[in-house]
PDB file of N, CA and C in Angstrom:
ATOM      1  N   MET A   1      77.088 -59.151 147.418  1.00  0.00           N
ATOM      2  CA  MET A   1      77.288 -59.233 145.980  1.00  0.00           C
ATOM      3  C   MET A   1      78.357 -58.222 145.552  1.00  0.00           C
ATOM      4  N   LEU A   2      78.348 -57.063 146.188  1.00  0.00           N
ATOM      5  CA  LEU A   2      79.361 -56.066 145.852  1.00  0.00           C
ATOM      6  C   LEU A   2      80.746 -56.519 146.304  1.00  0.00           C
ATOM      7  N   GLY A   3      80.795 -57.251 147.413  1.00  0.00           N
ATOM      8  CA  GLY A   3      82.070 -57.734 147.927  1.00  0.00           C
ATOM      9  C   GLY A   3      82.745 -58.729 147.004  1.00  0.00           C
ATOM     10  N   ARG A   4      81.986 -59.370 146.136  1.00  0.00           N
ATOM     11  CA  ARG A   4      82.556 -60.346 145.201  1.00  0.00           C
ATOM     12  C   ARG A   4      83.200 -59.679 143.986  1.00  0.00           C
ATOM     13  N   ALA A   5      82.984 -58.380 143.848  1.00  0.00           N
ATOM     14  CA  ALA A   5      83.563 -57.646 142.707  1.00  0.00           C
ATOM     15  C   ALA A   5      84.244 -56.380 143.222  1.00  0.00           C
ATOM     16  N   PRO A   6      85.394 -56.528 143.936  1.00  0.00           N
ATOM     17  CA  PRO A   6      86.023 -55.357 144.544  1.00  0.00           C
ATOM     18  C   PRO A   6      86.619 -54.374 143.542  1.00  0.00           C
ATOM     19  N   ASP A   7      87.005 -54.840 142.369  1.00  0.00           N
ATOM     20  CA  ASP A   7      87.627 -53.959 141.370  1.00  0.00           C
ATOM     21  C   ASP A   7      86.613 -53.528 140.317  1.00  0.00           C
ATOM     22  N   ARG A   8      85.494 -53.021 140.756  1.00  0.00           N
ATOM     23  CA  ARG A   8      84.421 -52.672 139.828  1.00  0.00           C
ATOM     24  C   ARG A   8      84.445 -51.166 139.537  1.00  0.00           C
ATOM     25  N   ASP A   9      83.928 -50.824 138.372  1.00  0.00           N
ATOM     26  CA  ASP A   9      83.722 -49.408 138.061  1.00  0.00           C
ATOM     27  C   ASP A   9      82.278 -49.069 138.363  1.00  0.00           C
ATOM     28  N   ALA A  10      81.905 -47.820 138.162  1.00  0.00           N
ATOM     29  CA  ALA A  10      80.547 -47.375 138.488  1.00  0.00           C
ATOM     30  C   ALA A  10      79.500 -48.159 137.704  1.00  0.00           C
ATOM     31  N   GLU A  11      79.758 -48.418 136.450  1.00  0.00           N
ATOM     32  CA  GLU A  11      78.795 -49.136 135.604  1.00  0.00           C
ATOM     33  C   GLU A  11      78.596 -50.568 136.109  1.00  0.00           C
ATOM     34  N   ALA A  12      79.661 -51.221 136.498  1.00  0.00           N
ATOM     35  CA  ALA A  12      79.572 -52.588 137.016  1.00  0.00           C
ATOM     36  C   ALA A  12      78.841 -52.595 138.356  1.00  0.00           C
ATOM     37  N   GLU A  13      79.077 -51.578 139.188  1.00  0.00           N
ATOM     38  CA  GLU A  13      78.394 -51.509 140.486  1.00  0.00           C
ATOM     39  C   GLU A  13      76.893 -51.331 140.308  1.00  0.00           C
ATOM     40  N   VAL A  14      76.509 -50.486 139.365  1.00  0.00           N
ATOM     41  CA  VAL A  14      75.081 -50.291 139.090  1.00  0.00           C
ATOM     42  C   VAL A  14      74.465 -51.602 138.601  1.00  0.00           C
ATOM     43  N   ALA A  15      75.184 -52.338 137.772  1.00  0.00           N
ATOM     44  CA  ALA A  15      74.667 -53.616 137.270  1.00  0.00           C
ATOM     45  C   ALA A  15      74.477 -54.609 138.414  1.00  0.00           C
ATOM     46  N   VAL A  16      75.427 -54.652 139.355  1.00  0.00           N
ATOM     47  CA  VAL A  16      75.306 -55.551 140.508  1.00  0.00           C
ATOM     48  C   VAL A  16      74.108 -55.149 141.358  1.00  0.00           C
ATOM     49  N   LEU A  17      73.941 -53.853 141.607  1.00  0.00           N
ATOM     50  CA  LEU A  17      72.816 -53.378 142.426  1.00  0.00           C
ATOM     51  C   LEU A  17      71.475 -53.673 141.762  1.00  0.00           C
ATOM     52  N   LYS A  18      71.392 -53.466 140.447  1.00  0.00           N
ATOM     53  CA  LYS A  18      70.147 -53.774 139.729  1.00  0.00           C
ATOM     54  C   LYS A  18      69.833 -55.262 139.808  1.00  0.00           C
ATOM     55  N   ASP A  19      70.861 -56.108 139.676  1.00  0.00           N
ATOM     56  CA  ASP A  19      70.667 -57.546 139.775  1.00  0.00           C
ATOM     57  C   ASP A  19      70.154 -57.918 141.164  1.00  0.00           C
ATOM     58  N   PHE A  20      70.729 -57.279 142.187  1.00  0.00           N
ATOM     59  CA  PHE A  20      70.285 -57.533 143.557  1.00  0.00           C
ATOM     60  C   PHE A  20      68.811 -57.176 143.738  1.00  0.00           C
ATOM     61  N   VAL A  21      68.424 -56.021 143.232  1.00  0.00           N
ATOM     62  CA  VAL A  21      67.028 -55.568 143.371  1.00  0.00           C
ATOM     63  C   VAL A  21      66.083 -56.542 142.683  1.00  0.00           C
ATOM     64  N   HIS A  22      66.464 -57.045 141.528  1.00  0.00           N
ATOM     65  CA  HIS A  22      65.586 -57.973 140.800  1.00  0.00           C
ATOM     66  C   HIS A  22      65.516 -59.343 141.463  1.00  0.00           C
ATOM     67  N   ARG A  23      66.581 -59.747 142.144  1.00  0.00           N
ATOM     68  CA  ARG A  23      66.591 -61.044 142.809  1.00  0.00           C
ATOM     69  C   ARG A  23      65.973 -61.009 144.204  1.00  0.00           C
ATOM     70  N   ALA A  24      65.978 -59.856 144.822  1.00  0.00           N
ATOM     71  CA  ALA A  24      65.488 -59.734 146.196  1.00  0.00           C
ATOM     72  C   ALA A  24      64.002 -60.068 146.254  1.00  0.00           C
ATOM     73  N   PRO A  25      63.570 -60.706 147.331  1.00  0.00           N
ATOM     74  CA  PRO A  25      62.132 -60.988 147.459  1.00  0.00           C
ATOM     75  C   PRO A  25      61.348 -59.696 147.545  1.00  0.00           C
ATOM     76  N   LYS A  26      60.215 -59.722 146.931  1.00  0.00           N
ATOM     77  CA  LYS A  26      59.354 -58.532 146.943  1.00  0.00           C
ATOM     78  C   LYS A  26      58.739 -58.380 148.321  1.00  0.00           C
ATOM     79  N   ILE A  27      58.777 -57.196 148.818  1.00  0.00           N
ATOM     80  CA  ILE A  27      58.210 -56.909 150.131  1.00  0.00           C
ATOM     81  C   ILE A  27      56.755 -56.508 149.948  1.00  0.00           C
ATOM     82  N   VAL A  28      55.895 -57.268 150.590  1.00  0.00           N
ATOM     83  CA  VAL A  28      54.458 -56.985 150.526  1.00  0.00           C
ATOM     84  C   VAL A  28      54.079 -56.282 151.812  1.00  0.00           C
ATOM     85  N   LYS A  29      53.546 -55.098 151.669  1.00  0.00           N
ATOM     86  CA  LYS A  29      53.128 -54.355 152.852  1.00  0.00           C
ATOM     87  C   LYS A  29      51.853 -54.977 153.403  1.00  0.00           C
ATOM     88  N   PRO A  30      51.841 -55.269 154.700  1.00  0.00           N
ATOM     89  CA  PRO A  30      50.629 -55.843 155.285  1.00  0.00           C
ATOM     90  C   PRO A  30      49.496 -54.820 155.304  1.00  0.00           C
ATOM     91  N   ARG A  31      48.281 -55.355 155.299  1.00  0.00           N
ATOM     92  CA  ARG A  31      47.130 -54.469 155.416  1.00  0.00           C
ATOM     93  C   ARG A  31      47.219 -53.731 156.733  1.00  0.00           C
ATOM     94  N   PRO A  32      46.818 -52.475 156.717  1.00  0.00           N
ATOM     95  CA  PRO A  32      46.785 -51.788 158.009  1.00  0.00           C
ATOM     96  C   PRO A  32      45.803 -52.480 158.936  1.00  0.00           C
ATOM     97  N   LYS A  33      46.223 -52.659 160.172  1.00  0.00           N
ATOM     98  CA  LYS A  33      45.351 -53.318 161.135  1.00  0.00           C
ATOM     99  C   LYS A  33      44.178 -52.421 161.477  1.00  0.00           C
ATOM    100  N   SER A  34      43.032 -53.047 161.606  1.00  0.00           N
ATOM    101  CA  SER A  34      41.842 -52.314 162.003  1.00  0.00           C
ATOM    102  C   SER A  34      42.017 -51.848 163.440  1.00  0.00           C
ATOM    103  N   VAL A  35      41.642 -50.634 163.673  1.00  0.00           N
ATOM    104  CA  VAL A  35      41.746 -50.132 165.039  1.00  0.00           C
ATOM    105  C   VAL A  35      40.478 -50.426 165.825  1.00  0.00           C
ATOM    106  N   SER A  36      39.437 -50.852 165.122  1.00  0.00           N
ATOM    107  CA  SER A  36      38.196 -51.140 165.831  1.00  0.00           C
ATOM    108  C   SER A  36      38.269 -52.529 166.468  1.00  0.00           C
ATOM    109  N   LYS A  37      37.679 -52.626 167.641  1.00  0.00           N
ATOM    110  CA  LYS A  37      37.690 -53.884 168.377  1.00  0.00           C
ATOM    111  C   LYS A  37      36.375 -53.987 169.130  1.00  0.00           C
ATOM    112  N   THR A  38      35.801 -55.167 169.125  1.00  0.00           N
ATOM    113  CA  THR A  38      34.579 -55.418 169.872  1.00  0.00           C
ATOM    114  C   THR A  38      34.929 -56.324 171.042  1.00  0.00           C
ATOM    115  N   MET A  39      34.521 -55.910 172.220  1.00  0.00           N
ATOM    116  CA  MET A  39      34.786 -56.684 173.434  1.00  0.00           C
ATOM    117  C   MET A  39      33.458 -57.172 174.009  1.00  0.00           C
ATOM    118  N   LEU A  40      33.412 -58.448 174.377  1.00  0.00           N
ATOM    119  CA  LEU A  40      32.222 -59.029 174.978  1.00  0.00           C
ATOM    120  C   LEU A  40      32.602 -59.772 176.250  1.00  0.00           C
ATOM    121  N   ARG A  41      31.675 -59.806 177.191  1.00  0.00           N
ATOM    122  CA  ARG A  41      31.835 -60.608 178.408  1.00  0.00           C
ATOM    123  C   ARG A  41      30.574 -61.435 178.559  1.00  0.00           C
ATOM    124  N   LEU A  42      30.751 -62.735 178.657  1.00  0.00           N
ATOM    125  CA  LEU A  42      29.614 -63.643 178.766  1.00  0.00           C
ATOM    126  C   LEU A  42      29.748 -64.498 180.019  1.00  0.00           C
ATOM    127  N   PRO A  43      28.710 -64.511 180.857  1.00  0.00           N
ATOM    128  CA  PRO A  43      28.772 -65.368 182.038  1.00  0.00           C
ATOM    129  C   PRO A  43      28.666 -66.838 181.636  1.00  0.00           C
ATOM    130  N   ARG A  44      29.520 -67.666 182.226  1.00  0.00           N
ATOM    131  CA  ARG A  44      29.521 -69.101 181.973  1.00  0.00           C
ATOM    132  C   ARG A  44      29.608 -69.810 183.320  1.00  0.00           C
ATOM    133  N   PRO A  45      29.222 -71.071 183.403  1.00  0.00           N
ATOM    134  CA  PRO A  45      29.321 -71.794 184.676  1.00  0.00           C
ATOM    135  C   PRO A  45      30.759 -71.824 185.226  1.00  0.00           C
ATOM    136  N   GLU A  46      31.748 -71.868 184.328  1.00  0.00           N
ATOM    137  CA  GLU A  46      33.134 -71.947 184.772  1.00  0.00           C
ATOM    138  C   GLU A  46      33.777 -70.576 184.983  1.00  0.00           C
ATOM    139  N   GLY A  47      33.006 -69.514 184.809  1.00  0.00           N
ATOM    140  CA  GLY A  47      33.516 -68.155 184.989  1.00  0.00           C
ATOM    141  C   GLY A  47      33.128 -67.271 183.822  1.00  0.00           C
ATOM    142  N   GLU A  48      33.607 -66.073 183.833  1.00  0.00           N
ATOM    143  CA  GLU A  48      33.265 -65.111 182.781  1.00  0.00           C
ATOM    144  C   GLU A  48      34.139 -65.349 181.548  1.00  0.00           C
ATOM    145  N   ALA A  49      33.492 -65.479 180.400  1.00  0.00           N
ATOM    146  CA  ALA A  49      34.215 -65.597 179.132  1.00  0.00           C
ATOM    147  C   ALA A  49      34.427 -64.191 178.587  1.00  0.00           C
ATOM    148  N   ARG A  50      35.655 -63.919 178.187  1.00  0.00           N
ATOM    149  CA  ARG A  50      35.980 -62.619 177.580  1.00  0.00           C
ATOM    150  C   ARG A  50      36.335 -62.850 176.123  1.00  0.00           C
ATOM    151  N   ILE A  51      35.650 -62.131 175.261  1.00  0.00           N
ATOM    152  CA  ILE A  51      35.850 -62.294 173.827  1.00  0.00           C
ATOM    153  C   ILE A  51      36.263 -60.950 173.249  1.00  0.00           C
ATOM    154  N   ALA A  52      37.335 -60.960 172.478  1.00  0.00           N
ATOM    155  CA  ALA A  52      37.797 -59.770 171.763  1.00  0.00           C
ATOM    156  C   ALA A  52      37.758 -60.099 170.280  1.00  0.00           C
ATOM    157  N   ALA A  53      37.067 -59.281 169.509  1.00  0.00           N
ATOM    158  CA  ALA A  53      36.964 -59.495 168.073  1.00  0.00           C
ATOM    159  C   ALA A  53      37.486 -58.262 167.349  1.00  0.00           C
ATOM    160  N   SER A  54      38.349 -58.500 166.369  1.00  0.00           N
ATOM    161  CA  SER A  54      38.873 -57.413 165.547  1.00  0.00           C
ATOM    162  C   SER A  54      39.051 -57.945 164.134  1.00  0.00           C
ATOM    163  N   ASP A  55      39.602 -57.145 163.256  1.00  0.00           N
ATOM    164  CA  ASP A  55      39.760 -57.526 161.855  1.00  0.00           C
ATOM    165  C   ASP A  55      40.664 -58.753 161.745  1.00  0.00           C
ATOM    166  N   GLY A  56      40.097 -59.880 161.344  1.00  0.00           N
ATOM    167  CA  GLY A  56      40.868 -61.097 161.140  1.00  0.00           C
ATOM    168  C   GLY A  56      41.207 -61.873 162.399  1.00  0.00           C
ATOM    169  N   ARG A  57      40.609 -61.510 163.522  1.00  0.00           N
ATOM    170  CA  ARG A  57      40.991 -62.174 164.771  1.00  0.00           C
ATOM    171  C   ARG A  57      39.824 -62.228 165.744  1.00  0.00           C
ATOM    172  N   VAL A  58      39.675 -63.383 166.396  1.00  0.00           N
ATOM    173  CA  VAL A  58      38.742 -63.555 167.506  1.00  0.00           C
ATOM    174  C   VAL A  58      39.523 -64.231 168.617  1.00  0.00           C
ATOM    175  N   GLU A  59      39.481 -63.645 169.796  1.00  0.00           N
ATOM    176  CA  GLU A  59      40.199 -64.217 170.929  1.00  0.00           C
ATOM    177  C   GLU A  59      39.215 -64.511 172.044  1.00  0.00           C
ATOM    178  N   LEU A  60      39.263 -65.725 172.553  1.00  0.00           N
ATOM    179  CA  LEU A  60      38.373 -66.171 173.621  1.00  0.00           C
ATOM    180  C   LEU A  60      39.215 -66.515 174.835  1.00  0.00           C
ATOM    181  N   ARG A  61      38.881 -65.908 175.956  1.00  0.00           N
ATOM    182  CA  ARG A  61      39.573 -66.213 177.213  1.00  0.00           C
ATOM    183  C   ARG A  61      38.551 -66.726 178.214  1.00  0.00           C
ATOM    184  N   LEU A  62      38.863 -67.904 178.753  1.00  0.00           N
ATOM    185  CA  LEU A  62      37.978 -68.541 179.709  1.00  0.00           C
ATOM    186  C   LEU A  62      38.811 -69.519 180.522  1.00  0.00           C
ATOM    187  N   ALA A  63      38.499 -69.650 181.790  1.00  0.00           N
ATOM    188  CA  ALA A  63      39.229 -70.578 182.656  1.00  0.00           C
ATOM    189  C   ALA A  63      38.837 -72.013 182.297  1.00  0.00           C
ATOM    190  N   ARG A  64      39.321 -72.460 181.160  1.00  0.00           N
ATOM    191  CA  ARG A  64      39.016 -73.801 180.659  1.00  0.00           C
ATOM    192  C   ARG A  64      40.156 -74.252 179.759  1.00  0.00           C
ATOM    193  N   ASP A  65      40.516 -75.514 179.826  1.00  0.00           N
ATOM    194  CA  ASP A  65      41.583 -76.046 178.983  1.00  0.00           C
ATOM    195  C   ASP A  65      40.971 -76.565 177.689  1.00  0.00           C
ATOM    196  N   PHE A  66      40.966 -75.748 176.655  1.00  0.00           N
ATOM    197  CA  PHE A  66      40.372 -76.143 175.381  1.00  0.00           C
ATOM    198  C   PHE A  66      41.206 -77.223 174.691  1.00  0.00           C
ATOM    199  N   SER A  67      42.499 -77.310 175.017  1.00  0.00           N
ATOM    200  CA  SER A  67      43.345 -78.332 174.400  1.00  0.00           C
ATOM    201  C   SER A  67      42.996 -79.735 174.900  1.00  0.00           C
ATOM    202  N   ALA A  68      42.266 -79.813 176.011  1.00  0.00           N
ATOM    203  CA  ALA A  68      41.864 -81.113 176.554  1.00  0.00           C
ATOM    204  C   ALA A  68      40.647 -81.681 175.828  1.00  0.00           C
ATOM    205  N   LEU A  69      39.984 -80.870 175.025  1.00  0.00           N
ATOM    206  CA  LEU A  69      38.801 -81.334 174.297  1.00  0.00           C
ATOM    207  C   LEU A  69      39.206 -82.222 173.131  1.00  0.00           C
ATOM    208  N   ASP A  70      38.335 -83.151 172.795  1.00  0.00           N
ATOM    209  CA  ASP A  70      38.533 -83.986 171.627  1.00  0.00           C
ATOM    210  C   ASP A  70      38.616 -83.099 170.387  1.00  0.00           C
ATOM    211  N   ARG A  71      39.591 -83.365 169.537  1.00  0.00           N
ATOM    212  CA  ARG A  71      39.823 -82.531 168.349  1.00  0.00           C
ATOM    213  C   ARG A  71      38.582 -82.442 167.453  1.00  0.00           C
ATOM    214  N   ALA A  72      37.903 -83.561 167.234  1.00  0.00           N
ATOM    215  CA  ALA A  72      36.711 -83.569 166.373  1.00  0.00           C
ATOM    216  C   ALA A  72      35.603 -82.711 166.979  1.00  0.00           C
ATOM    217  N   ARG A  73      35.459 -82.788 168.297  1.00  0.00           N
ATOM    218  CA  ARG A  73      34.428 -81.984 168.967  1.00  0.00           C
ATOM    219  C   ARG A  73      34.759 -80.494 168.877  1.00  0.00           C
ATOM    220  N   LEU A  74      36.024 -80.155 169.036  1.00  0.00           N
ATOM    221  CA  LEU A  74      36.448 -78.763 168.918  1.00  0.00           C
ATOM    222  C   LEU A  74      36.222 -78.252 167.497  1.00  0.00           C
ATOM    223  N   GLN A  75      36.519 -79.088 166.517  1.00  0.00           N
ATOM    224  CA  GLN A  75      36.296 -78.703 165.121  1.00  0.00           C
ATOM    225  C   GLN A  75      34.806 -78.475 164.856  1.00  0.00           C
ATOM    226  N   GLN A  76      33.948 -79.364 165.365  1.00  0.00           N
ATOM    227  CA  GLN A  76      32.509 -79.198 165.189  1.00  0.00           C
ATOM    228  C   GLN A  76      32.028 -77.891 165.823  1.00  0.00           C
ATOM    229  N   ALA A  77      32.579 -77.564 166.982  1.00  0.00           N
ATOM    230  CA  ALA A  77      32.184 -76.330 167.664  1.00  0.00           C
ATOM    231  C   ALA A  77      32.561 -75.106 166.820  1.00  0.00           C
ATOM    232  N   PHE A  78      33.761 -75.112 166.226  1.00  0.00           N
ATOM    233  CA  PHE A  78      34.163 -73.975 165.407  1.00  0.00           C
ATOM    234  C   PHE A  78      33.392 -73.915 164.098  1.00  0.00           C
ATOM    235  N   GLU A  79      33.066 -75.070 163.533  1.00  0.00           N
ATOM    236  CA  GLU A  79      32.227 -75.074 162.334  1.00  0.00           C
ATOM    237  C   GLU A  79      30.853 -74.483 162.644  1.00  0.00           C
ATOM    238  N   ALA A  80      30.278 -74.848 163.801  1.00  0.00           N
ATOM    239  CA  ALA A  80      28.986 -74.291 164.214  1.00  0.00           C
ATOM    240  C   ALA A  80      29.106 -72.788 164.455  1.00  0.00           C
ATOM    241  N   PHE A  81      30.217 -72.363 165.024  1.00  0.00           N
ATOM    242  CA  PHE A  81      30.475 -70.928 165.249  1.00  0.00           C
ATOM    243  C   PHE A  81      30.449 -70.169 163.926  1.00  0.00           C
ATOM    244  N   PHE A  82      31.211 -70.670 162.928  1.00  0.00           N
ATOM    245  CA  PHE A  82      31.247 -69.987 161.637  1.00  0.00           C
ATOM    246  C   PHE A  82      29.906 -70.055 160.921  1.00  0.00           C
ATOM    247  N   ASP A  83      29.218 -71.183 161.015  1.00  0.00           N
ATOM    248  CA  ASP A  83      27.880 -71.307 160.411  1.00  0.00           C
ATOM    249  C   ASP A  83      26.920 -70.292 161.026  1.00  0.00           C
ATOM    250  N   ALA A  84      26.985 -70.121 162.350  1.00  0.00           N
ATOM    251  CA  ALA A  84      26.109 -69.161 163.006  1.00  0.00           C
ATOM    252  C   ALA A  84      26.429 -67.730 162.584  1.00  0.00           C
ATOM    253  N   LEU A  85      27.708 -67.425 162.383  1.00  0.00           N
ATOM    254  CA  LEU A  85      28.096 -66.080 161.928  1.00  0.00           C
ATOM    255  C   LEU A  85      27.612 -65.813 160.512  1.00  0.00           C
ATOM    256  N   ASP A  86      27.624 -66.856 159.670  1.00  0.00           N
ATOM    257  CA  ASP A  86      27.251 -66.683 158.268  1.00  0.00           C
ATOM    258  C   ASP A  86      25.744 -66.790 158.025  1.00  0.00           C
ATOM    259  N   ALA A  87      24.984 -67.250 159.018  1.00  0.00           N
ATOM    260  CA  ALA A  87      23.538 -67.422 158.854  1.00  0.00           C
ATOM    261  C   ALA A  87      22.876 -66.069 158.677  1.00  0.00           C
ATOM    262  N   LYS A  88      21.842 -66.073 157.842  1.00  0.00           N
ATOM    263  CA  LYS A  88      21.119 -64.813 157.582  1.00  0.00           C
ATOM    264  C   LYS A  88      19.765 -64.860 158.202  1.00  0.00           C
TER     265      LYS A  88
END
């Protein structure tokens, strides 16, 4: 924006910079990541399942191709997972 006005005075430069600041996308600082993590190991017929849970994330590692499962069945499994977590 400054390059488009090479013959500017200080007042014009300040106006260009203010315009830039107002047009620029607002930067949202992400939440600090939780440093706490829960690790679980569960024996399964196909091997040991390793689960890592942290703020906003659950990771499951198992020697199994989950992408080969029927999408509806996978969705039902995750719905049951969330229902079990929310049960009192």
